Amino acid sequence: MLVDGKIYLGTSRKPDDSVNKPEYLDLKFANRHGLITGATGTGKTVTLQVLAEGFSNAGVPVFCADIKGDLSGVAALGEFKDFLDKRAKDIGFTDYDFQQFPVIFWDLYGEKGHRVRTTLTEMGPLLLSRLVNASDAQEGVLNIAFKIADEGGLPLLDLKDLQAMLNYMGENAQEISNKFGFISKASVGSIQRELLILEQQGAAKLFSEPALKITDVMRTTNDGRGAISVLAADRLMMNPRLYGTFLLWLLSELFEQLPEVGDPDKPKLVFFFDEAHLLFKDSPKVLIERVEQVVRLIRSKGVGVYFVTQNPMDVPQTVLAQLGNRVQHALRAYTPNEQKAVKTAADTFRPNPDFSCAEVITTLGTGEALISTLEGKGAPSVVERTLIRPPSGRIGPLNEDERRQVMSVSPVRDMYDEDFDRESAFEMLTKKAEAAAQAQAPTQQPDPAQPQAPADQTGSITIGGWTLPGFGTDPTPQAQQQKKTGYQRETIMEAAMKSAARSVATAVGAAIVRGILGSLRR
């Protein structure tokens, strides 16, 4: 029943429950994207595992998120179970055998997989604005901060870099407003508070280096199988916006970095976006429009995107129209909204004269689905009621020892597990500030008759939880006299940022270029 160039999904049934025919996903249409939907407990995770195994055996790398931990079992050899054997016999799957698949575990927190990170510069202002739930005014402030950083050669790598930049912008809002447009101190303060919340939720672990290389989620083994990258997302799901924004960033990186390949015989990578409603919920219209644009165009980069969610209405119509391969598990119709969702799901299929989709969707059993895939010249097939094939890997999670064993032989072992903090905006601004302070320091010697400030008063100031040396008010009497006369020496940050502004004016030609979703275009 296994056919070259196709992934076997299961066997469809006739209205009398007799065997109809095998159902396949043609690899040459797999980059036309797809949708897997169904209520909780109807078998979506197993369907995702079956697809991931099929792509891996076809030499196609896979990236997917493991929401509940169950998907990790794909890294272990399948085990005999009565219900699996019965399903294989019921659908005539005579080639059924157990396998162990090549898996790379990833985890933003570094607990259940290799650390996965990016930098603020790589993510860009649009996705960061979504992450901090920024208003239009706050998004404008972030865009200005990134513009100064991009053009001035000030890398924004981690949260302390952005905090230092925002602190200056708040203190010098009027001066920057004259150049870039109005900046409200209130907007700056709101962003800083949101960044503090993000830090407490673990976002500081995401924004650091070494940043993830896209090529490391596109690996294949020596025997030609595609690696299955599994992101441990059980803890990450406690911050849904962070989860959705991270996966959207990864999708945008694929779009910006991969070359055009047209329509290959099989995808270069398949990307499963589980809990897809988290991507679109409360997202601004402009972001949804750009996601639609990425989904439409990334097909020619050889990437297939498969959204996994409970309800097809979770996905905007403009995006839904781009998803050619559909697997619909059972939906419940207890409420008017659920009944509407059933009708919407049924209307998206090419009708089968043998049954009513709307009626069948509510009666499907666990592991049973309505399937329609692209065939022939790219037209959708007639929808079929299908029993999904049993997976070849283990159903259920790995234990901790098994997970550690897989990680110990991982091709990215020791590449991402240690942090390093290179010179970036925070350090560069500090150096410029110190140099500016020394250049503008008074040359006269202090009057010995005047009392001196205690040696332990350094004038430091804390910005967003990080301390910069030499910031704050000068405690000496000379500073007090300057206040009385109305003259104050430039603060260190003012001097530093004026220097940065001069750099911006001379570095426009080397400015960073950003793509559709605001991430770096290399």
Protein backbone atom coordinates (compact mmCIF):
# COMPACT_ATOMS: atom_id res chain seq x y z
CA MET A 1 0.00 0.00 0.00
CA LEU A 2 3.06 2.25 0.26
CA VAL A 3 3.66 4.11 -3.00
CA ASP A 4 6.74 6.09 -4.04
CA GLY A 5 6.15 9.82 -4.22
CA LYS A 6 3.10 9.65 -1.97
CA ILE A 7 2.33 9.43 1.75
CA TYR A 8 -0.22 6.78 2.71
CA LEU A 9 -2.77 8.36 5.08
CA GLY A 10 -5.31 5.58 5.48
CA THR A 11 -8.10 3.75 3.69
CA SER A 12 -11.49 5.22 2.86
CA ARG A 13 -14.77 3.44 3.48
CA LYS A 14 -17.91 3.07 1.41
CA PRO A 15 -21.32 3.96 2.88
CA ASP A 16 -21.77 0.30 3.89
CA ASP A 17 -18.41 0.44 5.78
CA SER A 18 -16.64 -1.82 3.30
CA VAL A 19 -13.13 -0.93 2.17
CA ASN A 20 -13.03 1.65 -0.63
CA LYS A 21 -9.46 2.67 -1.58
CA PRO A 22 -6.15 3.89 -0.11
CA GLU A 23 -5.90 7.66 0.42
CA TYR A 24 -2.59 9.39 -0.28
CA LEU A 25 -0.96 12.80 -0.03
CA ASP A 26 1.00 13.44 -3.21
CA LEU A 27 4.43 14.85 -2.30
CA LYS A 28 4.53 17.13 -5.34
CA PHE A 29 1.49 18.95 -3.93
CA ALA A 30 2.57 18.83 -0.28
CA ASN A 31 3.95 22.39 -0.47
CA ARG A 32 0.41 23.62 -1.25
CA HIS A 33 -0.14 23.61 2.52
CA GLY A 34 -2.80 21.90 4.58
CA LEU A 35 -5.23 21.92 7.48
CA ILE A 36 -5.84 19.37 10.24
CA THR A 37 -8.89 20.08 12.39
CA GLY A 38 -11.09 18.32 14.89
CA ALA A 39 -12.33 18.39 18.46
CA THR A 40 -10.16 17.34 21.40
CA GLY A 41 -9.59 13.59 21.54
CA THR A 42 -10.53 12.83 17.94
CA GLY A 43 -7.03 11.86 16.78
CA LYS A 44 -5.38 15.04 15.44
CA THR A 45 -2.05 14.31 17.17
CA VAL A 46 -1.85 10.80 15.71
CA THR A 47 -2.66 12.19 12.26
CA LEU A 48 0.13 14.74 12.68
CA GLN A 49 2.50 11.93 13.70
CA VAL A 50 1.50 9.83 10.68
CA LEU A 51 2.20 12.78 8.37
CA ALA A 52 5.52 13.57 10.07
CA GLU A 53 6.63 9.95 9.74
CA GLY A 54 5.62 9.85 6.08
CA PHE A 55 7.49 13.05 5.27
CA SER A 56 10.57 11.83 7.15
CA ASN A 57 10.65 8.54 5.23
CA ALA A 58 10.33 10.55 2.01
CA GLY A 59 13.43 12.57 2.91
CA VAL A 60 11.54 15.73 3.90
CA PRO A 61 12.57 17.46 7.16
CA VAL A 62 9.70 18.35 9.52
CA PHE A 63 9.26 20.98 12.23
CA CYS A 64 6.41 20.60 14.70
CA ALA A 65 5.45 21.65 18.21
CA ASP A 66 4.69 19.06 20.90
CA ILE A 67 1.90 20.63 22.95
CA LYS A 68 1.16 17.74 25.33
CA GLY A 69 4.39 15.72 25.11
CA ASP A 70 2.74 12.86 23.21
CA LEU A 71 4.51 13.56 19.94
CA SER A 72 7.94 12.80 21.42
CA GLY A 73 7.20 9.09 21.00
CA VAL A 74 8.03 9.37 17.30
CA ALA A 75 11.69 9.09 18.36
CA ALA A 76 11.12 5.56 19.74
CA LEU A 77 10.38 2.27 18.02
CA GLY A 78 6.67 1.55 17.86
CA GLU A 79 5.19 -1.08 20.17
CA PHE A 80 2.64 -3.77 19.40
CA LYS A 81 -0.84 -2.92 20.63
CA ASP A 82 -4.06 -4.75 19.89
CA PHE A 83 -5.92 -1.69 18.62
CA LEU A 84 -3.07 -0.78 16.26
CA ASP A 85 -2.95 -4.30 14.84
CA LYS A 86 -6.73 -4.31 14.44
CA ARG A 87 -6.68 -0.97 12.59
CA ALA A 88 -3.95 -2.19 10.23
CA LYS A 89 -6.00 -5.30 9.41
CA ASP A 90 -9.25 -3.35 9.02
CA ILE A 91 -7.72 -1.08 6.38
CA GLY A 92 -5.70 -3.81 4.65
CA PHE A 93 -2.35 -2.25 5.61
CA THR A 94 -0.19 -5.28 4.92
CA ASP A 95 3.07 -3.25 4.87
CA TYR A 96 2.63 -2.07 8.45
CA ASP A 97 5.84 -2.19 10.46
CA PHE A 98 7.39 -0.38 13.44
CA GLN A 99 10.09 2.27 13.01
CA GLN A 100 12.23 4.66 15.01
CA PHE A 101 12.58 8.11 13.44
CA PRO A 102 15.44 10.66 13.53
CA VAL A 103 14.33 13.39 15.96
CA ILE A 104 15.92 16.62 17.21
CA PHE A 105 14.34 17.95 20.39
CA TRP A 106 14.17 21.71 20.92
CA ASP A 107 13.03 23.71 23.93
CA LEU A 108 13.02 27.46 24.49
CA TYR A 109 13.79 26.82 28.17
CA GLY A 110 16.47 24.19 27.56
CA GLU A 111 14.73 21.60 29.75
CA LYS A 112 13.38 19.04 27.28
CA GLY A 113 15.51 19.83 24.27
CA HIS A 114 18.31 21.93 22.88
CA ARG A 115 17.99 25.64 23.53
CA VAL A 116 16.32 27.55 20.72
CA ARG A 117 16.86 31.30 20.56
CA THR A 118 16.73 34.34 18.38
CA THR A 119 17.67 37.99 18.83
CA LEU A 120 15.52 41.08 18.93
CA THR A 121 17.27 42.38 15.81
CA GLU A 122 16.37 39.22 13.90
CA MET A 123 12.75 39.21 15.10
CA GLY A 124 12.11 42.84 14.20
CA PRO A 125 9.61 45.44 15.43
CA LEU A 126 6.41 44.01 13.91
CA LEU A 127 6.56 40.64 15.65
CA LEU A 128 7.88 42.19 18.85
CA SER A 129 4.92 44.60 18.82
CA ARG A 130 2.58 41.61 18.72
CA LEU A 131 4.51 39.95 21.52
CA VAL A 132 4.09 42.95 23.85
CA ASN A 133 0.53 43.59 22.63
CA ALA A 134 1.56 47.10 21.58
CA SER A 135 -0.87 49.82 20.58
CA ASP A 136 -0.33 51.77 17.36
CA ALA A 137 1.60 54.46 19.25
CA GLN A 138 3.76 51.89 21.04
CA GLU A 139 4.44 50.07 17.77
CA GLY A 140 5.66 53.37 16.36
CA VAL A 141 8.08 53.78 19.28
CA LEU A 142 9.46 50.28 18.69
CA ASN A 143 9.90 50.98 14.99
CA ILE A 144 11.92 54.10 15.81
CA ALA A 145 14.05 52.17 18.31
CA PHE A 146 14.84 49.52 15.69
CA LYS A 147 15.50 52.15 13.03
CA ILE A 148 18.09 53.89 15.23
CA ALA A 149 19.65 50.53 16.08
CA ASP A 150 19.63 49.16 12.51
CA GLU A 151 21.11 52.25 10.91
CA GLY A 152 23.44 53.14 13.76
CA GLY A 153 25.11 49.74 14.03
CA LEU A 154 23.73 49.06 17.52
CA PRO A 155 22.69 45.39 17.66
CA LEU A 156 19.56 44.79 19.75
CA LEU A 157 20.21 41.22 20.82
CA ASP A 158 18.58 40.80 24.22
CA LEU A 159 16.14 42.59 26.49
CA LYS A 160 18.73 44.74 28.24
CA ASP A 161 19.75 46.21 24.88
CA LEU A 162 16.20 47.30 24.15
CA GLN A 163 15.66 48.53 27.71
CA ALA A 164 18.70 50.81 27.46
CA MET A 165 17.51 52.17 24.12
CA LEU A 166 13.99 52.80 25.41
CA ASN A 167 15.30 54.51 28.54
CA TYR A 168 17.14 57.05 26.42
CA MET A 169 14.12 57.57 24.17
CA GLY A 170 11.97 58.31 27.19
CA GLU A 171 14.43 60.80 28.61
CA ASN A 172 14.93 62.53 25.25
CA ALA A 173 11.47 62.14 23.77
CA GLN A 174 11.24 65.72 22.52
CA GLU A 175 14.56 65.68 20.67
CA ILE A 176 13.83 62.34 18.98
CA SER A 177 10.26 63.42 18.18
CA ASN A 178 11.63 66.30 16.13
CA LYS A 179 13.49 63.81 13.93
CA PHE A 180 11.23 60.75 13.77
CA GLY A 181 7.75 61.89 14.86
CA PHE A 182 6.00 62.21 18.18
CA ILE A 183 7.17 59.89 20.95
CA SER A 184 5.16 59.70 24.14
CA LYS A 185 6.95 58.98 27.41
CA ALA A 186 3.83 57.07 28.44
CA SER A 187 4.18 54.78 25.42
CA VAL A 188 7.83 54.14 26.23
CA GLY A 189 6.93 53.35 29.83
CA SER A 190 4.18 50.95 28.78
CA ILE A 191 6.57 49.04 26.51
CA GLN A 192 9.12 48.80 29.32
CA ARG A 193 6.50 47.35 31.65
CA GLU A 194 5.49 44.78 29.03
CA LEU A 195 9.13 43.83 28.56
CA LEU A 196 9.43 43.28 32.30
CA ILE A 197 6.42 40.96 32.19
CA LEU A 198 7.95 39.10 29.24
CA GLU A 199 11.20 38.71 31.15
CA GLN A 200 9.34 37.19 34.08
CA GLN A 201 7.58 34.78 31.71
CA GLY A 202 10.89 33.50 30.34
CA ALA A 203 11.26 35.57 27.16
CA ALA A 204 14.80 36.48 28.22
CA LYS A 205 15.72 32.88 27.37
CA LEU A 206 14.42 33.36 23.83
CA PHE A 207 16.29 36.60 23.15
CA SER A 208 19.93 35.65 23.38
CA GLU A 209 22.67 33.96 21.38
CA PRO A 210 23.63 31.70 19.67
CA ALA A 211 20.56 32.23 17.47
CA LEU A 212 18.96 29.27 15.74
CA LYS A 213 20.21 28.54 12.22
CA ILE A 214 17.40 27.61 9.87
CA THR A 215 19.58 24.93 8.27
CA ASP A 216 19.56 23.01 11.56
CA VAL A 217 15.83 22.31 11.25
CA MET A 218 16.30 21.16 7.66
CA ARG A 219 18.68 18.27 8.26
CA THR A 220 18.52 14.83 6.69
CA THR A 221 20.20 11.62 7.83
CA ASN A 222 22.85 9.65 5.96
CA ASP A 223 20.20 7.14 4.90
CA GLY A 224 18.13 9.93 3.31
CA ARG A 225 15.40 10.40 5.92
CA GLY A 226 14.30 13.85 7.00
CA ALA A 227 14.91 14.87 10.60
CA ILE A 228 11.81 15.61 12.66
CA SER A 229 12.40 18.69 14.81
CA VAL A 230 10.09 18.58 17.83
CA LEU A 231 9.65 21.75 19.89
CA ALA A 232 8.69 21.01 23.51
CA ALA A 233 5.78 23.42 23.95
CA ASP A 234 3.99 22.23 27.09
CA ARG A 235 5.55 24.97 29.23
CA LEU A 236 5.74 27.47 26.38
CA MET A 237 1.97 27.20 25.97
CA MET A 238 1.56 28.92 29.35
CA ASN A 239 2.41 32.09 27.40
CA PRO A 240 0.34 31.66 24.21
CA ARG A 241 1.44 34.94 22.63
CA LEU A 242 5.11 34.00 23.04
CA TYR A 243 4.40 30.58 21.48
CA GLY A 244 2.53 32.00 18.50
CA THR A 245 5.02 34.81 17.88
CA PHE A 246 8.03 32.48 18.04
CA LEU A 247 6.58 30.08 15.46
CA LEU A 248 5.58 33.01 13.26
CA TRP A 249 9.15 34.33 13.48
CA LEU A 250 10.50 30.92 12.46
CA LEU A 251 8.11 30.87 9.51
CA SER A 252 9.24 34.35 8.46
CA GLU A 253 12.90 33.29 8.72
CA LEU A 254 12.22 30.40 6.35
CA PHE A 255 10.53 32.77 3.95
CA GLU A 256 13.32 35.35 4.00
CA GLN A 257 16.28 32.96 3.85
CA LEU A 258 15.28 30.16 1.49
CA PRO A 259 15.76 30.57 -2.27
CA GLU A 260 13.00 30.24 -4.84
CA VAL A 261 12.66 26.68 -6.12
CA GLY A 262 9.27 26.74 -7.84
CA ASP A 263 7.32 23.49 -7.50
CA PRO A 264 9.75 20.74 -6.46
CA ASP A 265 8.98 17.01 -6.55
CA LYS A 266 8.76 17.14 -2.76
CA PRO A 267 8.99 19.93 -0.16
CA LYS A 268 12.26 21.16 1.29
CA LEU A 269 10.58 21.38 4.70
CA VAL A 270 7.13 20.86 6.19
CA PHE A 271 6.10 23.13 9.05
CA PHE A 272 3.25 22.11 11.37
CA PHE A 273 1.66 25.00 13.27
CA ASP A 274 -0.23 23.34 16.15
CA GLU A 275 -2.86 25.32 18.11
CA ALA A 276 -3.03 27.65 15.12
CA HIS A 277 -5.78 29.76 16.65
CA LEU A 278 -3.13 31.30 18.92
CA LEU A 279 -1.49 32.83 15.86
CA PHE A 280 -4.59 34.64 14.68
CA LYS A 281 -6.42 35.41 17.93
CA ASP A 282 -6.39 39.18 18.66
CA SER A 283 -3.84 39.75 15.89
CA PRO A 284 -4.03 43.11 14.11
CA LYS A 285 -5.33 43.14 10.55
CA VAL A 286 -1.95 44.13 9.12
CA LEU A 287 -0.28 41.08 10.67
CA ILE A 288 -2.92 38.70 9.34
CA GLU A 289 -2.51 40.22 5.88
CA ARG A 290 1.22 39.64 6.03
CA VAL A 291 0.79 36.07 7.27
CA GLU A 292 -1.49 35.46 4.29
CA GLN A 293 1.19 36.89 2.01
CA VAL A 294 3.88 34.65 3.52
CA VAL A 295 1.69 31.53 3.27
CA ARG A 296 0.89 32.34 -0.35
CA LEU A 297 4.50 32.98 -1.38
CA ILE A 298 6.44 30.47 0.75
CA ARG A 299 5.11 27.63 -1.42
CA SER A 300 7.62 28.61 -4.11
CA LYS A 301 10.40 28.27 -1.49
CA GLY A 302 9.52 24.59 -1.18
CA VAL A 303 7.95 24.89 2.29
CA GLY A 304 4.61 23.34 3.17
CA VAL A 305 2.71 24.88 6.10
CA TYR A 306 0.07 22.78 7.89
CA PHE A 307 -2.20 24.43 10.44
CA VAL A 308 -3.53 22.22 13.24
CA THR A 309 -6.49 23.49 15.24
CA GLN A 310 -9.85 22.43 16.62
CA ASN A 311 -12.07 24.49 14.38
CA PRO A 312 -11.58 25.56 10.75
CA MET A 313 -13.08 28.93 11.68
CA ASP A 314 -9.95 29.57 13.78
CA VAL A 315 -8.12 30.31 10.53
CA PRO A 316 -9.00 33.49 8.60
CA GLN A 317 -10.75 32.91 5.28
CA THR A 318 -7.91 34.52 3.32
CA VAL A 319 -5.44 32.02 4.80
CA LEU A 320 -7.87 29.10 4.66
CA ALA A 321 -8.16 29.57 0.91
CA GLN A 322 -4.43 28.76 0.56
CA LEU A 323 -4.69 25.34 2.25
CA GLY A 324 -5.15 22.66 -0.38
CA ASN A 325 -4.83 19.44 1.66
CA ARG A 326 -7.52 18.89 4.31
CA VAL A 327 -7.94 16.35 7.13
CA GLN A 328 -11.14 16.91 9.12
CA HIS A 329 -11.69 14.90 12.29
CA ALA A 330 -14.96 14.91 14.23
CA LEU A 331 -16.57 18.15 15.38
CA ARG A 332 -19.26 18.52 18.01
CA ALA A 333 -22.37 20.57 17.29
CA TYR A 334 -23.98 21.33 20.64
CA THR A 335 -24.19 25.11 20.25
CA PRO A 336 -25.17 27.44 17.36
CA ASN A 337 -21.50 28.45 16.89
CA GLU A 338 -20.44 24.81 16.72
CA GLN A 339 -23.19 24.07 14.20
CA LYS A 340 -21.92 26.96 12.08
CA ALA A 341 -18.37 25.54 12.31
CA VAL A 342 -19.63 22.16 11.09
CA LYS A 343 -21.31 23.76 8.08
CA THR A 344 -18.16 25.81 7.32
CA ALA A 345 -15.99 22.69 7.47
CA ALA A 346 -18.37 20.74 5.24
CA ASP A 347 -18.55 23.51 2.65
CA THR A 348 -14.76 23.56 2.20
CA PHE A 349 -14.72 20.03 0.71
CA ARG A 350 -15.40 18.88 -2.81
CA PRO A 351 -18.70 17.03 -2.26
CA ASN A 352 -19.02 13.26 -2.35
CA PRO A 353 -22.42 12.15 -3.70
CA ASP A 354 -22.38 9.10 -1.40
CA PHE A 355 -22.83 11.06 1.84
CA SER A 356 -23.44 14.45 3.42
CA CYS A 357 -20.28 15.97 4.88
CA ALA A 358 -22.20 18.03 7.43
CA GLU A 359 -23.86 14.91 8.83
CA VAL A 360 -20.76 12.71 8.78
CA ILE A 361 -18.48 15.24 10.55
CA THR A 362 -20.47 14.93 13.79
CA THR A 363 -20.46 11.10 13.73
CA LEU A 364 -16.80 10.35 12.93
CA GLY A 365 -15.07 8.04 15.39
CA THR A 366 -11.64 8.48 16.96
CA GLY A 367 -8.95 8.04 14.32
CA GLU A 368 -11.44 8.60 11.51
CA ALA A 369 -11.47 11.69 9.30
CA LEU A 370 -12.76 13.28 6.13
CA ILE A 371 -9.82 13.65 3.75
CA SER A 372 -9.37 15.63 0.57
CA THR A 373 -5.96 16.16 -1.00
CA LEU A 374 -4.71 17.74 -4.21
CA GLU A 375 -4.33 15.37 -7.14
CA GLY A 376 -3.93 15.33 -10.92
CA LYS A 377 -3.23 18.89 -12.02
CA GLY A 378 -3.66 20.28 -8.51
CA ALA A 379 -7.44 19.99 -8.13
CA PRO A 380 -8.86 18.80 -4.78
CA SER A 381 -10.01 15.19 -4.66
CA VAL A 382 -13.55 14.20 -3.77
CA VAL A 383 -13.79 14.03 0.02
CA GLU A 384 -13.62 10.53 1.47
CA ARG A 385 -14.48 9.12 4.90
CA THR A 386 -11.16 7.58 5.94
CA LEU A 387 -9.72 5.43 8.72
CA ILE A 388 -6.27 6.86 9.49
CA ARG A 389 -3.40 4.37 9.34
CA PRO A 390 -1.60 3.49 12.62
CA PRO A 391 1.76 5.24 13.15
CA SER A 392 5.02 3.31 13.01
CA GLY A 393 6.64 5.15 15.92
CA ARG A 394 5.53 4.90 19.52
CA ILE A 395 2.21 6.43 20.51
CA GLY A 396 2.81 8.34 23.73
CA PRO A 397 5.65 10.33 25.30
CA LEU A 398 9.26 9.35 25.93
CA ASN A 399 10.48 9.18 29.51
CA GLU A 400 13.29 11.48 30.67
CA ASP A 401 16.05 8.92 30.19
CA GLU A 402 14.94 8.15 26.65
CA ARG A 403 14.78 11.86 25.82
CA ARG A 404 18.30 12.43 27.17
CA GLN A 405 19.57 9.51 25.12
CA VAL A 406 18.13 11.00 21.92
CA MET A 407 19.66 14.39 22.76
CA SER A 408 23.06 12.84 23.49
CA VAL A 409 23.39 11.69 19.87
CA SER A 410 21.77 14.76 18.35
CA PRO A 411 23.60 16.42 15.41
CA VAL A 412 23.27 19.81 17.18
CA ARG A 413 24.56 18.60 20.55
CA ASP A 414 26.69 21.30 22.28
CA MET A 415 25.87 23.85 19.55
CA TYR A 416 23.07 25.71 21.34
CA ASP A 417 23.22 24.64 24.96
CA GLU A 418 25.49 27.43 26.25
CA ASP A 419 24.74 31.17 26.20
CA PHE A 420 27.18 33.81 25.16
CA ASP A 421 26.79 37.57 25.38
CA ARG A 422 28.77 39.46 22.76
CA GLU A 423 29.10 43.21 22.53
CA SER A 424 25.78 44.75 21.56
CA ALA A 425 23.79 47.96 21.99
CA PHE A 426 23.98 47.91 25.79
CA GLU A 427 27.76 47.60 25.90
CA MET A 428 28.34 49.93 22.96
CA LEU A 429 26.18 52.68 24.45
CA THR A 430 27.94 52.29 27.76
CA LYS A 431 31.36 52.70 26.15
CA LYS A 432 30.24 55.74 24.16
CA ALA A 433 28.71 57.21 27.28
CA GLU A 434 31.91 56.81 29.26
CA ALA A 435 34.00 58.30 26.45
CA ALA A 436 31.63 61.25 26.11
CA ALA A 437 31.70 61.84 29.85
CA GLN A 438 35.50 61.89 29.94
CA ALA A 439 35.69 64.26 26.95
CA GLN A 440 33.29 66.72 28.55
CA ALA A 441 34.53 66.47 32.12
CA PRO A 442 35.60 69.85 33.70
CA THR A 443 39.35 70.41 33.58
CA GLN A 444 39.56 72.52 36.74
CA GLN A 445 40.59 70.88 39.99
CA PRO A 446 37.97 70.69 42.73
CA ASP A 447 38.14 73.34 45.44
CA PRO A 448 39.72 71.68 48.50
CA ALA A 449 37.57 73.94 50.69
CA GLN A 450 34.41 72.35 49.30
CA PRO A 451 33.22 69.11 50.89
CA GLN A 452 33.62 66.11 48.60
CA ALA A 453 31.04 63.45 47.89
CA PRO A 454 31.54 60.15 49.74
CA ALA A 455 33.61 57.62 47.79
CA ASP A 456 30.75 55.13 47.59
CA GLN A 457 28.39 57.52 45.78
CA THR A 458 28.95 56.46 42.20
CA GLY A 459 25.93 58.14 40.67
CA SER A 460 24.83 54.87 39.09
CA ILE A 461 21.25 54.38 37.93
CA THR A 462 19.24 51.21 37.38
CA ILE A 463 17.45 50.91 34.03
CA GLY A 464 14.90 48.14 33.74
CA GLY A 465 16.81 45.95 36.17
CA TRP A 466 20.30 46.59 34.72
CA THR A 467 22.81 49.02 36.22
CA LEU A 468 24.89 51.33 34.05
CA PRO A 469 27.97 52.95 35.63
CA GLY A 470 28.08 56.70 36.00
CA PHE A 471 24.38 57.36 35.27
CA GLY A 472 22.14 59.60 37.31
CA THR A 473 22.62 62.86 39.17
CA ASP A 474 26.04 64.15 40.05
CA PRO A 475 26.00 64.51 43.87
CA THR A 476 28.74 67.15 43.92
CA PRO A 477 28.06 70.81 44.80
CA GLN A 478 29.12 71.81 41.26
CA ALA A 479 26.14 69.90 39.90
CA GLN A 480 23.85 71.62 42.37
CA GLN A 481 25.22 75.01 41.26
CA GLN A 482 24.54 74.06 37.62
CA LYS A 483 20.92 73.35 38.52
CA LYS A 484 20.59 76.76 40.20
CA THR A 485 22.01 78.60 37.20
CA GLY A 486 19.82 76.70 34.74
CA TYR A 487 22.79 75.01 33.04
CA GLN A 488 23.21 71.25 33.11
CA ARG A 489 25.90 69.20 31.44
CA GLU A 490 24.62 66.58 28.99
CA THR A 491 23.78 63.31 30.64
CA ILE A 492 25.96 60.41 29.62
CA MET A 493 23.16 58.77 27.69
CA GLU A 494 22.39 62.02 25.88
CA ALA A 495 26.00 62.32 24.76
CA ALA A 496 26.10 58.67 23.76
CA MET A 497 22.90 58.82 21.74
CA LYS A 498 23.91 62.05 20.01
CA SER A 499 27.02 60.18 18.93
CA ALA A 500 24.79 57.29 17.81
CA ALA A 501 22.56 59.72 15.91
CA ARG A 502 25.61 61.03 14.06
CA SER A 503 26.48 57.44 13.20
CA VAL A 504 22.96 56.97 11.86
CA ALA A 505 23.37 59.95 9.55
CA THR A 506 26.51 58.43 8.01
CA ALA A 507 25.39 54.79 7.95
CA VAL A 508 22.13 54.94 6.01
CA GLY A 509 23.73 53.13 3.09
CA ALA A 510 24.50 50.16 5.32
CA ALA A 511 21.06 50.05 6.95
CA ILE A 512 19.51 46.69 7.67
CA VAL A 513 16.76 45.63 5.28
CA ARG A 514 13.73 43.89 6.74
CA GLY A 515 11.26 41.54 5.10
CA ILE A 516 7.49 41.14 5.02
CA LEU A 517 7.16 40.32 8.72
CA GLY A 518 9.88 42.72 9.85
CA SER A 519 12.56 40.08 10.36
CA LEU A 520 16.06 40.44 8.94
CA ARG A 521 16.46 39.94 5.21
CA ARG A 522 19.93 38.57 4.61
